């Protein structure tokens, strides 16, 4: 399992991505054979979250992830293809960034 590294996060104003290597990472030339030569040898960025409207707590998310979870565990919980029983809602739900953070104990802004 791989710990998050704070320096490997990127934020563009809407999307939070992770560009670090982990046990399930794939290099860009494998994920996209037509990638730009500057991407060869680098891991494909992983989608962490999209902050669409209003308050964008991306720094709080980064700090929480670095301190509390591995890359692989977060990606498993946030994967939309995985289904989980949600105690909060009382029914089965697909993985998502919000579900992953709630399942990991993130409480958000107080």
C-alpha atoms as a PDB file:
ATOM      1  CA  UNK A   1       0.000   0.000   0.000  1.00  0.00           C
ATOM      2  CA  UNK A   2       1.191   3.476  -0.869  1.00  0.00           C
ATOM      3  CA  UNK A   3       0.814   6.613   1.222  1.00  0.00           C
ATOM      4  CA  UNK A   4      -0.276   9.804  -0.527  1.00  0.00           C
ATOM      5  CA  UNK A   5       2.496  12.351  -1.103  1.00  0.00           C
ATOM      6  CA  UNK A   6       1.314  15.948  -0.782  1.00  0.00           C
ATOM      7  CA  UNK A   7       3.663  17.128  -3.560  1.00  0.00           C
ATOM      8  CA  UNK A   8       2.045  14.784  -6.113  1.00  0.00           C
ATOM      9  CA  UNK A   9      -1.395  16.459  -6.005  1.00  0.00           C
ATOM     10  CA  UNK A  10      -2.386  18.951  -8.699  1.00  0.00           C
ATOM     11  CA  UNK A  11      -5.312  21.373  -8.594  1.00  0.00           C
ATOM     12  CA  UNK A  12      -6.513  23.309 -11.647  1.00  0.00           C
ATOM     13  CA  UNK A  13      -9.407  25.208 -10.082  1.00  0.00           C
ATOM     14  CA  UNK A  14     -11.955  22.410 -10.543  1.00  0.00           C
ATOM     15  CA  UNK A  15     -10.203  19.011 -10.625  1.00  0.00           C
ATOM     16  CA  UNK A  16      -7.983  17.517  -7.951  1.00  0.00           C
ATOM     17  CA  UNK A  17      -5.636  14.915  -9.455  1.00  0.00           C
ATOM     18  CA  UNK A  18      -2.884  12.695  -8.046  1.00  0.00           C
ATOM     19  CA  UNK A  19       0.257  12.156 -10.126  1.00  0.00           C
ATOM     20  CA  UNK A  20       2.252   9.885  -7.831  1.00  0.00           C
ATOM     21  CA  UNK A  21       3.190   6.258  -8.380  1.00  0.00           C
ATOM     22  CA  UNK A  22       1.337   3.551  -6.448  1.00  0.00           C
ATOM     23  CA  UNK A  23       0.924  -0.221  -6.668  1.00  0.00           C
ATOM     24  CA  UNK A  24      -1.874   0.005  -9.259  1.00  0.00           C
ATOM     25  CA  UNK A  25      -0.500   2.901 -11.315  1.00  0.00           C
ATOM     26  CA  UNK A  26       0.113   2.604 -15.045  1.00  0.00           C
ATOM     27  CA  UNK A  27       2.520   4.744 -17.022  1.00  0.00           C
ATOM     28  CA  UNK A  28       1.018   7.173 -19.533  1.00  0.00           C
ATOM     29  CA  UNK A  29       2.552   5.447 -22.576  1.00  0.00           C
ATOM     30  CA  UNK A  30       0.669   2.280 -21.569  1.00  0.00           C
ATOM     31  CA  UNK A  31      -2.627   4.032 -20.740  1.00  0.00           C
ATOM     32  CA  UNK A  32      -2.451   6.252 -23.818  1.00  0.00           C
ATOM     33  CA  UNK A  33       0.063   5.113 -26.462  1.00  0.00           C
ATOM     34  CA  UNK A  34      -0.331   8.419 -28.340  1.00  0.00           C
ATOM     35  CA  UNK A  35       0.574  10.567 -25.328  1.00  0.00           C
ATOM     36  CA  UNK A  36       2.952  13.487 -25.644  1.00  0.00           C
ATOM     37  CA  UNK A  37       6.623  12.431 -25.335  1.00  0.00           C
ATOM     38  CA  UNK A  38       6.967  14.487 -22.141  1.00  0.00           C
ATOM     39  CA  UNK A  39       4.536  12.065 -20.419  1.00  0.00           C
ATOM     40  CA  UNK A  40       6.527   8.900 -21.257  1.00  0.00           C
ATOM     41  CA  UNK A  41       7.695   7.216 -18.043  1.00  0.00           C
ATOM     42  CA  UNK A  42       5.294   9.169 -15.822  1.00  0.00           C
ATOM     43  CA  UNK A  43       2.295   7.595 -14.081  1.00  0.00           C
ATOM     44  CA  UNK A  44      -1.175   8.326 -15.460  1.00  0.00           C
ATOM     45  CA  UNK A  45      -2.808  10.924 -13.173  1.00  0.00           C
ATOM     46  CA  UNK A  46      -5.583   9.575 -10.927  1.00  0.00           C
ATOM     47  CA  UNK A  47      -8.824  11.511 -10.537  1.00  0.00           C
ATOM     48  CA  UNK A  48      -9.397  12.392  -6.883  1.00  0.00           C
ATOM     49  CA  UNK A  49     -12.321  14.825  -6.956  1.00  0.00           C
ATOM     50  CA  UNK A  50     -14.151  17.517  -8.878  1.00  0.00           C
ATOM     51  CA  UNK A  51     -15.202  20.639  -6.993  1.00  0.00           C
ATOM     52  CA  UNK A  52     -17.866  22.139  -9.202  1.00  0.00           C
ATOM     53  CA  UNK A  53     -19.644  24.911  -7.292  1.00  0.00           C
ATOM     54  CA  UNK A  54     -19.196  27.066  -4.218  1.00  0.00           C
ATOM     55  CA  UNK A  55     -16.750  26.203  -1.462  1.00  0.00           C
ATOM     56  CA  UNK A  56     -13.821  24.130  -2.769  1.00  0.00           C
ATOM     57  CA  UNK A  57     -12.102  22.394   0.171  1.00  0.00           C
ATOM     58  CA  UNK A  58      -9.385  20.778  -1.925  1.00  0.00           C
ATOM     59  CA  UNK A  59      -6.582  21.618   0.546  1.00  0.00           C
ATOM     60  CA  UNK A  60      -8.527  20.032   3.395  1.00  0.00           C
ATOM     61  CA  UNK A  61      -9.071  16.913   1.249  1.00  0.00           C
ATOM     62  CA  UNK A  62      -5.346  16.707   0.448  1.00  0.00           C
ATOM     63  CA  UNK A  63      -4.366  17.056   4.109  1.00  0.00           C
ATOM     64  CA  UNK A  64      -6.915  14.429   5.178  1.00  0.00           C
ATOM     65  CA  UNK A  65      -5.818  11.947   2.499  1.00  0.00           C
ATOM     66  CA  UNK A  66      -2.099  12.385   3.264  1.00  0.00           C
ATOM     67  CA  UNK A  67      -2.666  11.804   6.991  1.00  0.00           C
ATOM     68  CA  UNK A  68      -5.306   9.056   6.942  1.00  0.00           C
ATOM     69  CA  UNK A  69      -5.432   6.765   3.917  1.00  0.00           C
ATOM     70  CA  UNK A  70      -3.477   4.951   1.231  1.00  0.00           C
ATOM     71  CA  UNK A  71      -3.827   5.738  -2.462  1.00  0.00           C
ATOM     72  CA  UNK A  72      -5.174   2.263  -3.213  1.00  0.00           C
ATOM     73  CA  UNK A  73      -7.867   2.380  -0.489  1.00  0.00           C
ATOM     74  CA  UNK A  74      -9.138   5.789  -1.635  1.00  0.00           C
ATOM     75  CA  UNK A  75      -9.236   4.726  -5.300  1.00  0.00           C
ATOM     76  CA  UNK A  76     -11.172   1.576  -4.366  1.00  0.00           C
ATOM     77  CA  UNK A  77     -13.778   3.523  -2.369  1.00  0.00           C
ATOM     78  CA  UNK A  78     -14.143   6.257  -4.989  1.00  0.00           C
ATOM     79  CA  UNK A  79     -14.416   3.902  -7.977  1.00  0.00           C
ATOM     80  CA  UNK A  80     -17.917   4.221  -9.452  1.00  0.00           C
ATOM     81  CA  UNK A  81     -17.861   0.548 -10.526  1.00  0.00           C
ATOM     82  CA  UNK A  82     -17.704  -0.632  -6.906  1.00  0.00           C
ATOM     83  CA  UNK A  83     -20.869  -0.890  -4.823  1.00  0.00           C
ATOM     84  CA  UNK A  84     -20.990  -0.322  -1.065  1.00  0.00           C
ATOM     85  CA  UNK A  85     -23.661  -0.296   1.615  1.00  0.00           C
ATOM     86  CA  UNK A  86     -23.997   3.231   2.972  1.00  0.00           C
ATOM     87  CA  UNK A  87     -24.853   3.477   6.680  1.00  0.00           C
ATOM     88  CA  UNK A  88     -25.719   7.153   6.165  1.00  0.00           C
ATOM     89  CA  UNK A  89     -28.321   6.534   3.455  1.00  0.00           C
ATOM     90  CA  UNK A  90     -29.366   2.999   4.402  1.00  0.00           C
ATOM     91  CA  UNK A  91     -28.944   1.487   0.940  1.00  0.00           C
ATOM     92  CA  UNK A  92     -26.312   0.289  -1.495  1.00  0.00           C
ATOM     93  CA  UNK A  93     -24.492   3.020  -3.374  1.00  0.00           C
ATOM     94  CA  UNK A  94     -21.752   3.262  -5.975  1.00  0.00           C
ATOM     95  CA  UNK A  95     -18.342   4.549  -5.014  1.00  0.00           C
ATOM     96  CA  UNK A  96     -17.669   8.248  -5.451  1.00  0.00           C
ATOM     97  CA  UNK A  97     -15.222  10.813  -4.073  1.00  0.00           C
ATOM     98  CA  UNK A  98     -17.810  12.081  -1.567  1.00  0.00           C
ATOM     99  CA  UNK A  99     -18.724   8.550  -0.464  1.00  0.00           C
ATOM    100  CA  UNK A 100     -15.021   7.657  -0.110  1.00  0.00           C
ATOM    101  CA  UNK A 101     -14.295  10.668   2.086  1.00  0.00           C
ATOM    102  CA  UNK A 102     -17.366  10.027   4.269  1.00  0.00           C
ATOM    103  CA  UNK A 103     -16.448   6.328   4.621  1.00  0.00           C
ATOM    104  CA  UNK A 104     -12.926   7.307   5.665  1.00  0.00           C
ATOM    105  CA  UNK A 105     -14.250   9.620   8.385  1.00  0.00           C
ATOM    106  CA  UNK A 106     -13.859  13.039   6.753  1.00  0.00           C
ATOM    107  CA  UNK A 107     -16.253  15.484   8.398  1.00  0.00           C
ATOM    108  CA  UNK A 108     -15.673  18.554   6.236  1.00  0.00           C
ATOM    109  CA  UNK A 109     -15.831  22.157   7.318  1.00  0.00           C
ATOM    110  CA  UNK A 110     -17.186  22.618  10.806  1.00  0.00           C
END
